[in-house]
Protein backbone atom coordinates (compact mmCIF):
# COMPACT_ATOMS: atom_id res chain seq x y z
CA MET A 1 -12.13 -126.53 198.50
CA THR A 2 -15.69 -126.35 199.29
CA VAL A 3 -18.63 -125.56 196.93
CA THR A 4 -21.13 -123.01 197.83
CA GLY A 5 -23.88 -121.98 195.58
CA GLY A 6 -22.19 -123.67 192.66
CA MET A 7 -18.87 -121.53 193.11
CA ARG A 8 -15.81 -123.22 194.39
CA MET A 9 -14.47 -121.52 197.49
CA ARG A 10 -10.95 -122.01 199.01
CA GLN A 11 -10.77 -123.48 202.38
CA PHE A 12 -8.80 -121.33 204.90
CA ALA A 13 -6.90 -124.24 206.35
CA GLU A 14 -5.12 -125.30 203.18
CA THR A 15 -1.69 -126.13 204.92
CA GLY A 16 -3.03 -126.31 208.52
CA VAL A 17 -0.17 -123.96 209.41
CA VAL A 18 -1.59 -120.65 210.83
CA ALA A 19 1.30 -118.67 209.64
CA ILE A 20 0.99 -119.66 206.04
CA ASP A 21 -2.81 -119.91 206.02
CA LEU A 22 -3.42 -116.59 207.69
CA ALA A 23 -0.82 -114.93 205.33
CA ASN A 24 -2.99 -116.44 202.33
CA THR A 25 -6.22 -114.69 203.31
CA TRP A 26 -5.55 -111.97 200.97
CA ASP A 27 -5.82 -113.38 197.33
CA ALA A 28 -5.01 -110.89 194.70
CA TYR A 29 -6.44 -112.86 191.99
CA LEU A 30 -9.99 -112.33 193.33
CA ASP A 31 -12.05 -109.33 192.39
CA ASP A 32 -12.26 -108.73 196.16
CA PRO A 33 -8.83 -110.05 197.40
CA GLU A 34 -9.98 -109.90 201.05
CA ARG A 35 -10.94 -113.44 202.07
CA LEU A 36 -11.69 -112.37 205.85
CA PRO A 37 -14.42 -109.79 204.68
CA ASP A 38 -16.53 -110.32 207.92
CA VAL A 39 -16.61 -111.80 211.25
CA ALA A 40 -18.39 -114.81 209.86
CA ALA A 41 -15.32 -115.43 207.67
CA LEU A 42 -13.06 -115.02 210.67
CA ARG A 43 -15.08 -117.54 212.65
CA ARG A 44 -14.82 -120.10 209.84
CA PHE A 45 -11.20 -119.48 209.66
CA ARG A 46 -10.82 -120.12 213.39
CA ALA A 47 -12.88 -123.34 213.15
CA GLU A 48 -10.88 -124.70 210.24
CA LEU A 49 -7.69 -124.16 212.27
CA GLY A 50 -9.04 -125.49 215.47
CA GLU A 51 -9.15 -122.16 217.42
CA PRO A 52 -11.66 -122.12 220.18
CA GLU A 53 -15.19 -120.75 219.39
CA GLU A 54 -16.09 -117.37 220.80
CA ALA A 55 -18.29 -114.37 220.17
CA GLY A 56 -17.07 -111.92 217.74
CA GLY A 57 -13.49 -111.40 217.35
CA ASP A 58 -11.69 -108.36 216.41
CA LEU A 59 -11.49 -108.70 212.49
CA ASP A 60 -9.21 -105.42 212.14
CA ALA A 61 -6.85 -106.83 214.74
CA VAL A 62 -6.72 -110.19 213.02
CA ARG A 63 -6.16 -108.40 209.54
CA ALA A 64 -3.19 -106.25 211.33
CA VAL A 65 -1.68 -109.53 212.39
CA ARG A 66 -1.79 -110.70 208.88
CA GLY A 67 -0.14 -107.47 207.71
CA ARG A 68 2.70 -108.01 210.14
CA LEU A 69 3.06 -111.70 209.23
CA ARG A 70 3.30 -110.85 205.58
CA ALA A 71 5.84 -108.19 206.16
CA VAL A 72 7.85 -110.74 208.08
CA LEU A 73 7.47 -113.29 205.27
CA ALA A 74 8.38 -110.57 202.56
CA CYS A 75 11.98 -110.18 204.19
CA ASP A 76 14.84 -112.19 202.68
CA PRO A 77 15.95 -114.97 205.13
CA PRO A 78 18.79 -112.90 206.72
CA GLU A 79 16.38 -110.15 207.44
CA ARG A 80 13.39 -112.27 208.38
CA THR A 81 14.78 -113.50 211.59
CA PRO A 82 15.31 -110.04 213.12
CA ALA A 83 11.87 -109.12 211.83
CA LEU A 84 10.26 -112.10 213.73
CA ALA A 85 12.23 -111.37 216.61
CA ARG A 86 10.91 -107.74 216.84
CA TRP A 87 7.43 -108.99 216.38
CA ALA A 88 7.79 -111.57 219.02
CA SER A 89 8.99 -109.29 221.40
CA GLU A 90 5.77 -107.21 221.06
CA LEU A 91 3.45 -110.13 221.68
CA PRO A 92 1.95 -111.62 225.06
CA ILE A 93 3.99 -114.88 224.77
CA ARG A 94 3.88 -117.44 227.56
CA VAL A 95 6.51 -120.27 227.47
CA THR A 96 5.39 -123.60 228.69
CA VAL A 97 7.46 -126.91 228.88
CA ALA A 98 5.64 -130.09 227.56
CA ASP A 99 6.75 -133.72 227.53
CA SER A 100 7.66 -134.74 224.00
CA GLU A 101 8.40 -138.43 223.83
CA GLY A 102 10.22 -138.08 227.23
CA THR A 103 12.07 -135.15 226.29
CA PRO A 104 11.17 -131.55 227.41
CA ARG A 105 10.13 -128.99 224.77
CA ALA A 106 9.56 -125.43 225.20
CA ARG A 107 6.07 -124.27 223.61
CA LEU A 108 5.01 -120.81 222.88
CA THR A 109 1.51 -120.04 223.94
CA ALA A 110 -0.73 -117.01 224.45
CA PRO A 111 -1.85 -116.35 227.87
CA ASP A 112 -5.29 -117.23 229.19
CA GLY A 113 -7.85 -114.61 228.08
CA ALA A 114 -5.87 -113.43 225.06
CA SER A 115 -7.65 -111.85 222.19
CA VAL A 116 -8.05 -113.81 219.01
CA ALA A 117 -5.46 -111.66 217.05
CA ASP A 118 -2.92 -112.37 219.91
CA ARG A 119 -3.62 -116.26 219.95
CA LEU A 120 -3.15 -116.22 216.06
CA ALA A 121 -0.14 -114.10 216.16
CA VAL A 122 1.56 -116.40 218.95
CA ARG A 123 0.80 -119.35 217.19
CA ALA A 124 2.12 -118.05 213.79
CA VAL A 125 5.26 -117.22 215.46
CA ALA A 126 5.49 -120.62 217.06
CA GLU A 127 5.00 -122.23 213.83
CA LEU A 128 7.47 -120.03 212.00
CA LEU A 129 10.07 -121.03 214.71
CA ASP A 130 9.28 -124.73 214.02
CA ILE A 131 9.70 -124.39 210.29
CA ALA A 132 13.17 -122.55 210.91
CA ALA A 133 14.14 -125.35 213.42
CA SER A 134 13.23 -127.92 210.85
CA GLY A 135 15.50 -126.45 208.13
CA GLY A 136 12.72 -124.77 206.23
CA TRP A 137 13.55 -121.04 206.94
CA GLU A 138 15.39 -120.64 203.63
CA ARG A 139 12.57 -122.53 201.81
CA LEU A 140 9.70 -120.16 203.27
CA ARG A 141 8.72 -118.07 200.32
CA LEU A 142 6.13 -115.88 198.72
CA CYS A 143 5.02 -116.68 195.30
CA ALA A 144 6.95 -115.20 192.43
CA ALA A 145 3.92 -115.05 190.34
CA ARG A 146 2.25 -111.42 190.05
CA PRO A 147 -0.16 -110.40 191.39
CA CYS A 148 -0.09 -113.50 193.83
CA GLN A 149 1.84 -113.19 196.95
CA ASP A 150 0.80 -116.36 198.82
CA ALA A 151 3.19 -117.91 201.27
CA PHE A 152 4.39 -121.44 201.01
CA VAL A 153 7.17 -123.76 202.17
CA ASP A 154 9.13 -125.25 199.27
CA ARG A 155 9.33 -128.93 199.94
CA SER A 156 10.71 -129.94 196.58
CA ARG A 157 13.94 -131.83 196.63
CA PRO A 158 16.16 -129.23 194.81
CA GLY A 159 14.46 -126.38 196.83
CA ARG A 160 14.12 -124.05 193.76
CA ARG A 161 10.26 -124.01 193.59
CA GLN A 162 9.18 -120.29 192.89
CA PHE A 163 5.33 -120.68 192.76
CA CYS A 164 2.80 -121.47 195.44
CA SER A 165 0.77 -123.60 193.23
CA THR A 166 0.41 -125.23 189.65
CA ARG A 167 -2.14 -122.22 188.81
CA CYS A 168 0.51 -119.69 189.59
CA ALA A 169 3.29 -121.49 187.61
CA ASN A 170 1.00 -121.82 184.59
CA ARG A 171 -0.03 -118.17 184.57
CA ALA A 172 3.60 -117.06 184.99
CA HIS A 173 4.81 -119.42 181.97
CA ALA A 174 2.07 -118.33 179.95
CA THR A 175 2.88 -114.56 180.53
CA ALA A 176 6.42 -115.14 179.91
CA SER A 177 5.69 -116.95 176.80
CA ARG A 178 3.33 -114.25 175.46
CA ALA A 179 6.10 -111.62 176.29
CA ARG A 180 8.59 -113.59 174.17
CA ARG A 181 6.34 -113.65 171.19
CA ARG A 182 5.97 -109.90 171.16
């Protein structure tokens, strides 16, 4: 977190995974849940995630990518794969082959000159495929605490984590405790 004017502000690159960090730019706990309210915030988001600097950027298009990404993540794992495939088929994806420790590896990239939104979308799709390949597809979840809907990968040993953070777990448990006392 960074501190600005005495207030703590969440960083955008909390995980360094565009698919998760972009999905989490909507925070229902905030008075104004939009964490990408303007082009300056989009510029900071891109900088934190190592995206190239450029003038402007289509904020509405990036928000639309976030919406599509959140829709894919909201699917149950069996439905998530076809949803991801449909989205990927609509994107301008280029496949390149890179050397990874002596082994060729396919990499998905956006073509030269692609918009910020398309670059972020292609990067998110590539990262989701990497998560799936590493066995994390079933552990990719949205937080069970309401109103939160942050995305996270459950890296706990038993694989039963339901909440994105301790904050959400505490709030959900407090709400359940109050409901039991009524």
